[in-house]
Amino acid sequence: MKNHKFLATVIVLTLVMAGISAADTWTTYNTSNTPGLGNNTIKGAAVETGGIKWFGTNGGGVSKFTGASWQKYTTS
C-alpha cells in the first residue's frame, strides 16, 4: 500500500512539473523595486474583470497593478 501511495505521489509531481516550462518566469515585487507598492506585507487581494489587480497592504494603503504600472492609494 505504501508503494502505491509513493508511486502516485511521484506521478502527480511529475505531471505538475511537466506543466511548468522553462519559458515561465516569475517577477518579485517589493517596495525596493516597486514605488507604487505600499508595503511588502499584503493583507488582501482582488482582481477586476478586466485584469486589474488590487492589493491591500499592511499600513501602506491600497496598491493597484495594471500589468504594466503600479499606483498607490493612501488616506493622504
PDB file of N, CA and C in Angstrom:
ATOM      1  N   MET A   1       0.822  -1.193   0.000  1.00  0.00           N
ATOM      2  CA  MET A   1       0.000   0.000   0.000  1.00  0.00           C
ATOM      3  C   MET A   1       0.866   1.257   0.000  1.00  0.00           C
ATOM      4  N   LYS A   2       1.963   1.262   0.793  1.00  0.00           N
ATOM      5  CA  LYS A   2       2.853   2.412   0.844  1.00  0.00           C
ATOM      6  C   LYS A   2       3.493   2.665  -0.516  1.00  0.00           C
ATOM      7  N   ASN A   3       3.847   1.587  -1.211  1.00  0.00           N
ATOM      8  CA  ASN A   3       4.459   1.732  -2.530  1.00  0.00           C
ATOM      9  C   ASN A   3       3.505   2.379  -3.517  1.00  0.00           C
ATOM     10  N   HIS A   4       2.227   2.047  -3.415  1.00  0.00           N
ATOM     11  CA  HIS A   4       1.233   2.641  -4.315  1.00  0.00           C
ATOM     12  C   HIS A   4       1.076   4.139  -4.044  1.00  0.00           C
ATOM     13  N   LYS A   5       1.072   4.552  -2.790  1.00  0.00           N
ATOM     14  CA  LYS A   5       0.958   5.971  -2.452  1.00  0.00           C
ATOM     15  C   LYS A   5       2.189   6.732  -2.928  1.00  0.00           C
ATOM     16  N   PHE A   6       3.358   6.135  -2.743  1.00  0.00           N
ATOM     17  CA  PHE A   6       4.594   6.778  -3.189  1.00  0.00           C
ATOM     18  C   PHE A   6       4.585   6.940  -4.704  1.00  0.00           C
ATOM     19  N   LEU A   7       4.212   5.894  -5.412  1.00  0.00           N
ATOM     20  CA  LEU A   7       4.171   5.937  -6.872  1.00  0.00           C
ATOM     21  C   LEU A   7       3.158   6.983  -7.350  1.00  0.00           C
ATOM     22  N   ALA A   8       2.014   7.039  -6.717  1.00  0.00           N
ATOM     23  CA  ALA A   8       1.003   8.029  -7.094  1.00  0.00           C
ATOM     24  C   ALA A   8       1.525   9.444  -6.862  1.00  0.00           C
ATOM     25  N   THR A   9       2.230   9.657  -5.765  1.00  0.00           N
ATOM     26  CA  THR A   9       2.806  10.975  -5.474  1.00  0.00           C
ATOM     27  C   THR A   9       3.833  11.353  -6.529  1.00  0.00           C
ATOM     28  N   VAL A  10       4.682  10.422  -6.899  1.00  0.00           N
ATOM     29  CA  VAL A  10       5.704  10.688  -7.920  1.00  0.00           C
ATOM     30  C   VAL A  10       5.046  11.029  -9.252  1.00  0.00           C
ATOM     31  N   ILE A  11       4.016  10.315  -9.613  1.00  0.00           N
ATOM     32  CA  ILE A  11       3.320  10.576 -10.879  1.00  0.00           C
ATOM     33  C   ILE A  11       2.686  11.963 -10.871  1.00  0.00           C
ATOM     34  N   VAL A  12       2.010  12.311  -9.802  1.00  0.00           N
ATOM     35  CA  VAL A  12       1.369  13.624  -9.708  1.00  0.00           C
ATOM     36  C   VAL A  12       2.412  14.735  -9.788  1.00  0.00           C
ATOM     37  N   LEU A  13       3.503  14.606  -9.035  1.00  0.00           N
ATOM     38  CA  LEU A  13       4.552  15.624  -9.068  1.00  0.00           C
ATOM     39  C   LEU A  13       5.172  15.739 -10.455  1.00  0.00           C
ATOM     40  N   THR A  14       5.357  14.620 -11.142  1.00  0.00           N
ATOM     41  CA  THR A  14       5.908  14.640 -12.496  1.00  0.00           C
ATOM     42  C   THR A  14       4.973  15.376 -13.446  1.00  0.00           C
ATOM     43  N   LEU A  15       3.680  15.113 -13.330  1.00  0.00           N
ATOM     44  CA  LEU A  15       2.703  15.794 -14.190  1.00  0.00           C
ATOM     45  C   LEU A  15       2.656  17.288 -13.902  1.00  0.00           C
ATOM     46  N   VAL A  16       2.727  17.666 -12.641  1.00  0.00           N
ATOM     47  CA  VAL A  16       2.720  19.082 -12.280  1.00  0.00           C
ATOM     48  C   VAL A  16       3.965  19.765 -12.823  1.00  0.00           C
ATOM     49  N   MET A  17       5.116  19.164 -12.636  1.00  0.00           N
ATOM     50  CA  MET A  17       6.364  19.760 -13.108  1.00  0.00           C
ATOM     51  C   MET A  17       6.404  19.830 -14.633  1.00  0.00           C
ATOM     52  N   ALA A  18       5.778  18.897 -15.315  1.00  0.00           N
ATOM     53  CA  ALA A  18       5.750  18.920 -16.776  1.00  0.00           C
ATOM     54  C   ALA A  18       4.956  20.114 -17.284  1.00  0.00           C
ATOM     55  N   GLY A  19       4.014  20.596 -16.484  1.00  0.00           N
ATOM     56  CA  GLY A  19       3.209  21.754 -16.868  1.00  0.00           C
ATOM     57  C   GLY A  19       3.948  23.064 -16.688  1.00  0.00           C
ATOM     58  N   ILE A  20       5.086  23.057 -16.031  1.00  0.00           N
ATOM     59  CA  ILE A  20       5.884  24.262 -15.814  1.00  0.00           C
ATOM     60  C   ILE A  20       7.037  24.228 -16.809  1.00  0.00           C
ATOM     61  N   SER A  21       6.999  25.128 -17.766  1.00  0.00           N
ATOM     62  CA  SER A  21       8.044  25.129 -18.785  1.00  0.00           C
ATOM     63  C   SER A  21       9.170  26.087 -18.418  1.00  0.00           C
ATOM     64  N   ALA A  22      10.254  25.977 -19.127  1.00  0.00           N
ATOM     65  CA  ALA A  22      11.403  26.851 -18.896  1.00  0.00           C
ATOM     66  C   ALA A  22      11.076  28.291 -19.277  1.00  0.00           C
ATOM     67  N   ALA A  23      10.067  28.504 -20.115  1.00  0.00           N
ATOM     68  CA  ALA A  23       9.700  29.847 -20.548  1.00  0.00           C
ATOM     69  C   ALA A  23       8.908  30.601 -19.475  1.00  0.00           C
ATOM     70  N   ASP A  24       8.377  29.900 -18.485  1.00  0.00           N
ATOM     71  CA  ASP A  24       7.632  30.554 -17.411  1.00  0.00           C
ATOM     72  C   ASP A  24       8.591  31.386 -16.569  1.00  0.00           C
ATOM     73  N   THR A  25       8.199  32.614 -16.287  1.00  0.00           N
ATOM     74  CA  THR A  25       9.037  33.476 -15.461  1.00  0.00           C
ATOM     75  C   THR A  25       8.228  34.019 -14.302  1.00  0.00           C
ATOM     76  N   TRP A  26       8.915  34.354 -13.237  1.00  0.00           N
ATOM     77  CA  TRP A  26       8.310  34.936 -12.053  1.00  0.00           C
ATOM     78  C   TRP A  26       8.948  36.289 -11.814  1.00  0.00           C
ATOM     79  N   THR A  27       8.152  37.250 -11.416  1.00  0.00           N
ATOM     80  CA  THR A  27       8.661  38.564 -11.041  1.00  0.00           C
ATOM     81  C   THR A  27       8.313  38.802  -9.585  1.00  0.00           C
ATOM     82  N   THR A  28       9.283  39.206  -8.808  1.00  0.00           N
ATOM     83  CA  THR A  28       9.058  39.536  -7.408  1.00  0.00           C
ATOM     84  C   THR A  28       8.946  41.046  -7.277  1.00  0.00           C
ATOM     85  N   TYR A  29       7.845  41.496  -6.717  1.00  0.00           N
ATOM     86  CA  TYR A  29       7.632  42.915  -6.484  1.00  0.00           C
ATOM     87  C   TYR A  29       7.793  43.200  -4.998  1.00  0.00           C
ATOM     88  N   ASN A  30       8.508  44.263  -4.669  1.00  0.00           N
ATOM     89  CA  ASN A  30       8.610  44.708  -3.287  1.00  0.00           C
ATOM     90  C   ASN A  30       8.794  46.223  -3.295  1.00  0.00           C
ATOM     91  N   THR A  31       8.795  46.816  -2.128  1.00  0.00           N
ATOM     92  CA  THR A  31       8.866  48.276  -2.058  1.00  0.00           C
ATOM     93  C   THR A  31      10.213  48.815  -2.534  1.00  0.00           C
ATOM     94  N   SER A  32      11.229  47.977  -2.604  1.00  0.00           N
ATOM     95  CA  SER A  32      12.530  48.415  -3.104  1.00  0.00           C
ATOM     96  C   SER A  32      12.537  48.623  -4.610  1.00  0.00           C
ATOM     97  N   ASN A  33      11.823  47.772  -5.332  1.00  0.00           N
ATOM     98  CA  ASN A  33      11.819  47.872  -6.791  1.00  0.00           C
ATOM     99  C   ASN A  33      10.490  48.328  -7.383  1.00  0.00           C
ATOM    100  N   THR A  34       9.497  48.595  -6.526  1.00  0.00           N
ATOM    101  CA  THR A  34       8.168  48.981  -6.992  1.00  0.00           C
ATOM    102  C   THR A  34       7.633  50.112  -6.125  1.00  0.00           C
ATOM    103  N   PRO A  35       7.867  51.376  -6.512  1.00  0.00           N
ATOM    104  CA  PRO A  35       7.428  52.506  -5.685  1.00  0.00           C
ATOM    105  C   PRO A  35       5.914  52.553  -5.454  1.00  0.00           C
ATOM    106  N   GLY A  36       5.127  51.989  -6.348  1.00  0.00           N
ATOM    107  CA  GLY A  36       3.678  52.023  -6.199  1.00  0.00           C
ATOM    108  C   GLY A  36       3.110  50.974  -5.272  1.00  0.00           C
ATOM    109  N   LEU A  37       3.962  50.130  -4.724  1.00  0.00           N
ATOM    110  CA  LEU A  37       3.520  49.119  -3.760  1.00  0.00           C
ATOM    111  C   LEU A  37       3.656  49.706  -2.368  1.00  0.00           C
ATOM    112  N   GLY A  38       2.544  49.780  -1.640  1.00  0.00           N
ATOM    113  CA  GLY A  38       2.520  50.472  -0.362  1.00  0.00           C
ATOM    114  C   GLY A  38       3.308  49.822   0.757  1.00  0.00           C
ATOM    115  N   ASN A  39       3.367  48.499   0.764  1.00  0.00           N
ATOM    116  CA  ASN A  39       4.035  47.771   1.841  1.00  0.00           C
ATOM    117  C   ASN A  39       4.340  46.372   1.334  1.00  0.00           C
ATOM    118  N   ASN A  40       5.369  45.741   1.845  1.00  0.00           N
ATOM    119  CA  ASN A  40       5.724  44.388   1.417  1.00  0.00           C
ATOM    120  C   ASN A  40       4.788  43.323   1.972  1.00  0.00           C
ATOM    121  N   THR A  41       3.987  43.662   2.976  1.00  0.00           N
ATOM    122  CA  THR A  41       3.045  42.707   3.542  1.00  0.00           C
ATOM    123  C   THR A  41       1.665  42.956   2.944  1.00  0.00           C
ATOM    124  N   ILE A  42       1.179  41.985   2.182  1.00  0.00           N
ATOM    125  CA  ILE A  42      -0.129  42.064   1.537  1.00  0.00           C
ATOM    126  C   ILE A  42      -1.154  41.391   2.442  1.00  0.00           C
ATOM    127  N   LYS A  43      -2.226  42.112   2.759  1.00  0.00           N
ATOM    128  CA  LYS A  43      -3.266  41.572   3.636  1.00  0.00           C
ATOM    129  C   LYS A  43      -4.465  41.040   2.852  1.00  0.00           C
ATOM    130  N   GLY A  44      -4.635  41.495   1.609  1.00  0.00           N
ATOM    131  CA  GLY A  44      -5.748  41.039   0.790  1.00  0.00           C
ATOM    132  C   GLY A  44      -5.502  41.389  -0.661  1.00  0.00           C
ATOM    133  N   ALA A  45      -6.186  40.678  -1.557  1.00  0.00           N
ATOM    134  CA  ALA A  45      -6.021  40.923  -2.987  1.00  0.00           C
ATOM    135  C   ALA A  45      -7.349  40.691  -3.696  1.00  0.00           C
ATOM    136  N   ALA A  46      -7.538  41.425  -4.807  1.00  0.00           N
ATOM    137  CA  ALA A  46      -8.733  41.254  -5.629  1.00  0.00           C
ATOM    138  C   ALA A  46      -8.344  41.522  -7.076  1.00  0.00           C
ATOM    139  N   VAL A  47      -9.045  40.857  -7.989  1.00  0.00           N
ATOM    140  CA  VAL A  47      -8.787  41.041  -9.413  1.00  0.00           C
ATOM    141  C   VAL A  47     -10.087  41.462 -10.079  1.00  0.00           C
ATOM    142  N   GLU A  48     -10.041  42.594 -10.809  1.00  0.00           N
ATOM    143  CA  GLU A  48     -11.203  43.059 -11.559  1.00  0.00           C
ATOM    144  C   GLU A  48     -11.399  42.198 -12.806  1.00  0.00           C
ATOM    145  N   THR A  49     -12.574  42.278 -13.379  1.00  0.00           N
ATOM    146  CA  THR A  49     -12.874  41.529 -14.591  1.00  0.00           C
ATOM    147  C   THR A  49     -11.878  41.843 -15.702  1.00  0.00           C
ATOM    148  N   GLY A  50     -11.457  43.096 -15.813  1.00  0.00           N
ATOM    149  CA  GLY A  50     -10.507  43.496 -16.843  1.00  0.00           C
ATOM    150  C   GLY A  50      -9.069  43.110 -16.554  1.00  0.00           C
ATOM    151  N   GLY A  51      -8.803  42.515 -15.400  1.00  0.00           N
ATOM    152  CA  GLY A  51      -7.470  42.045 -15.079  1.00  0.00           C
ATOM    153  C   GLY A  51      -6.670  42.956 -14.163  1.00  0.00           C
ATOM    154  N   ILE A  52      -7.214  44.120 -13.810  1.00  0.00           N
ATOM    155  CA  ILE A  52      -6.507  44.998 -12.873  1.00  0.00           C
ATOM    156  C   ILE A  52      -6.508  44.330 -11.507  1.00  0.00           C
ATOM    157  N   LYS A  53      -5.347  44.361 -10.857  1.00  0.00           N
ATOM    158  CA  LYS A  53      -5.187  43.702  -9.561  1.00  0.00           C
ATOM    159  C   LYS A  53      -5.048  44.751  -8.459  1.00  0.00           C
ATOM    160  N   TRP A  54      -5.745  44.547  -7.365  1.00  0.00           N
ATOM    161  CA  TRP A  54      -5.717  45.435  -6.208  1.00  0.00           C
ATOM    162  C   TRP A  54      -5.153  44.679  -5.022  1.00  0.00           C
ATOM    163  N   PHE A  55      -4.276  45.369  -4.259  1.00  0.00           N
ATOM    164  CA  PHE A  55      -3.657  44.748  -3.096  1.00  0.00           C
ATOM    165  C   PHE A  55      -3.805  45.654  -1.886  1.00  0.00           C
ATOM    166  N   GLY A  56      -4.403  45.137  -0.833  1.00  0.00           N
ATOM    167  CA  GLY A  56      -4.469  45.842   0.433  1.00  0.00           C
ATOM    168  C   GLY A  56      -3.226  45.505   1.226  1.00  0.00           C
ATOM    169  N   THR A  57      -2.500  46.536   1.646  1.00  0.00           N
ATOM    170  CA  THR A  57      -1.229  46.291   2.330  1.00  0.00           C
ATOM    171  C   THR A  57      -1.361  46.546   3.821  1.00  0.00           C
ATOM    172  N   ASN A  58      -0.353  46.174   4.551  1.00  0.00           N
ATOM    173  CA  ASN A  58      -0.321  46.325   5.999  1.00  0.00           C
ATOM    174  C   ASN A  58       0.175  47.725   6.359  1.00  0.00           C
ATOM    175  N   GLY A  59      -0.723  48.691   6.396  1.00  0.00           N
ATOM    176  CA  GLY A  59      -0.373  50.047   6.776  1.00  0.00           C
ATOM    177  C   GLY A  59       0.137  50.924   5.651  1.00  0.00           C
ATOM    178  N   GLY A  60       0.190  50.405   4.421  1.00  0.00           N
ATOM    179  CA  GLY A  60       0.712  51.179   3.303  1.00  0.00           C
ATOM    180  C   GLY A  60      -0.339  51.563   2.287  1.00  0.00           C
ATOM    181  N   GLY A  61      -1.611  51.426   2.651  1.00  0.00           N
ATOM    182  CA  GLY A  61      -2.681  51.776   1.735  1.00  0.00           C
ATOM    183  C   GLY A  61      -3.033  50.635   0.796  1.00  0.00           C
ATOM    184  N   VAL A  62      -3.637  51.017  -0.332  1.00  0.00           N
ATOM    185  CA  VAL A  62      -4.064  50.057  -1.348  1.00  0.00           C
ATOM    186  C   VAL A  62      -3.240  50.317  -2.602  1.00  0.00           C
ATOM    187  N   SER A  63      -2.784  49.243  -3.229  1.00  0.00           N
ATOM    188  CA  SER A  63      -1.988  49.374  -4.450  1.00  0.00           C
ATOM    189  C   SER A  63      -2.720  48.717  -5.604  1.00  0.00           C
ATOM    190  N   LYS A  64      -2.667  49.381  -6.773  1.00  0.00           N
ATOM    191  CA  LYS A  64      -3.299  48.874  -7.995  1.00  0.00           C
ATOM    192  C   LYS A  64      -2.204  48.517  -8.998  1.00  0.00           C
ATOM    193  N   PHE A  65      -2.323  47.330  -9.603  1.00  0.00           N
ATOM    194  CA  PHE A  65      -1.371  46.896 -10.621  1.00  0.00           C
ATOM    195  C   PHE A  65      -2.132  46.625 -11.907  1.00  0.00           C
ATOM    196  N   THR A  66      -1.779  47.336 -12.965  1.00  0.00           N
ATOM    197  CA  THR A  66      -2.462  47.185 -14.251  1.00  0.00           C
ATOM    198  C   THR A  66      -1.821  46.132 -15.138  1.00  0.00           C
ATOM    199  N   GLY A  67      -0.699  45.602 -14.723  1.00  0.00           N
ATOM    200  CA  GLY A  67       0.065  44.682 -15.558  1.00  0.00           C
ATOM    201  C   GLY A  67       1.290  45.374 -16.121  1.00  0.00           C
ATOM    202  N   ALA A  68       1.234  46.714 -16.143  1.00  0.00           N
ATOM    203  CA  ALA A  68       2.364  47.490 -16.640  1.00  0.00           C
ATOM    204  C   ALA A  68       2.856  48.513 -15.624  1.00  0.00           C
ATOM    205  N   SER A  69       1.950  48.980 -14.764  1.00  0.00           N
ATOM    206  CA  SER A  69       2.340  50.007 -13.795  1.00  0.00           C
ATOM    207  C   SER A  69       1.600  49.818 -12.481  1.00  0.00           C
ATOM    208  N   TRP A  70       2.172  50.430 -11.424  1.00  0.00           N
ATOM    209  CA  TRP A  70       1.626  50.375 -10.075  1.00  0.00           C
ATOM    210  C   TRP A  70       1.192  51.772  -9.656  1.00  0.00           C
ATOM    211  N   GLN A  71       0.113  51.851  -8.867  1.00  0.00           N
ATOM    212  CA  GLN A  71      -0.327  53.108  -8.285  1.00  0.00           C
ATOM    213  C   GLN A  71      -0.716  52.838  -6.849  1.00  0.00           C
ATOM    214  N   LYS A  72      -0.218  53.685  -5.943  1.00  0.00           N
ATOM    215  CA  LYS A  72      -0.506  53.518  -4.513  1.00  0.00           C
ATOM    216  C   LYS A  72      -1.557  54.544  -4.096  1.00  0.00           C
ATOM    217  N   TYR A  73      -2.535  54.110  -3.295  1.00  0.00           N
ATOM    218  CA  TYR A  73      -3.572  54.977  -2.761  1.00  0.00           C
ATOM    219  C   TYR A  73      -3.529  54.911  -1.239  1.00  0.00           C
ATOM    220  N   THR A  74      -3.414  56.074  -0.611  1.00  0.00           N
ATOM    221  CA  THR A  74      -3.412  56.139   0.844  1.00  0.00           C
ATOM    222  C   THR A  74      -4.443  57.161   1.285  1.00  0.00           C
ATOM    223  N   THR A  75      -4.654  57.300   2.587  1.00  0.00           N
ATOM    224  CA  THR A  75      -5.605  58.283   3.088  1.00  0.00           C
ATOM    225  C   THR A  75      -5.110  59.711   2.877  1.00  0.00           C
ATOM    226  N   SER A  76      -3.797  59.894   2.709  1.00  0.00           N
ATOM    227  CA  SER A  76      -3.275  61.236   2.469  1.00  0.00           C
ATOM    228  C   SER A  76      -3.406  61.573   0.991  1.00  0.00           C
TER     229      SER A  76
END
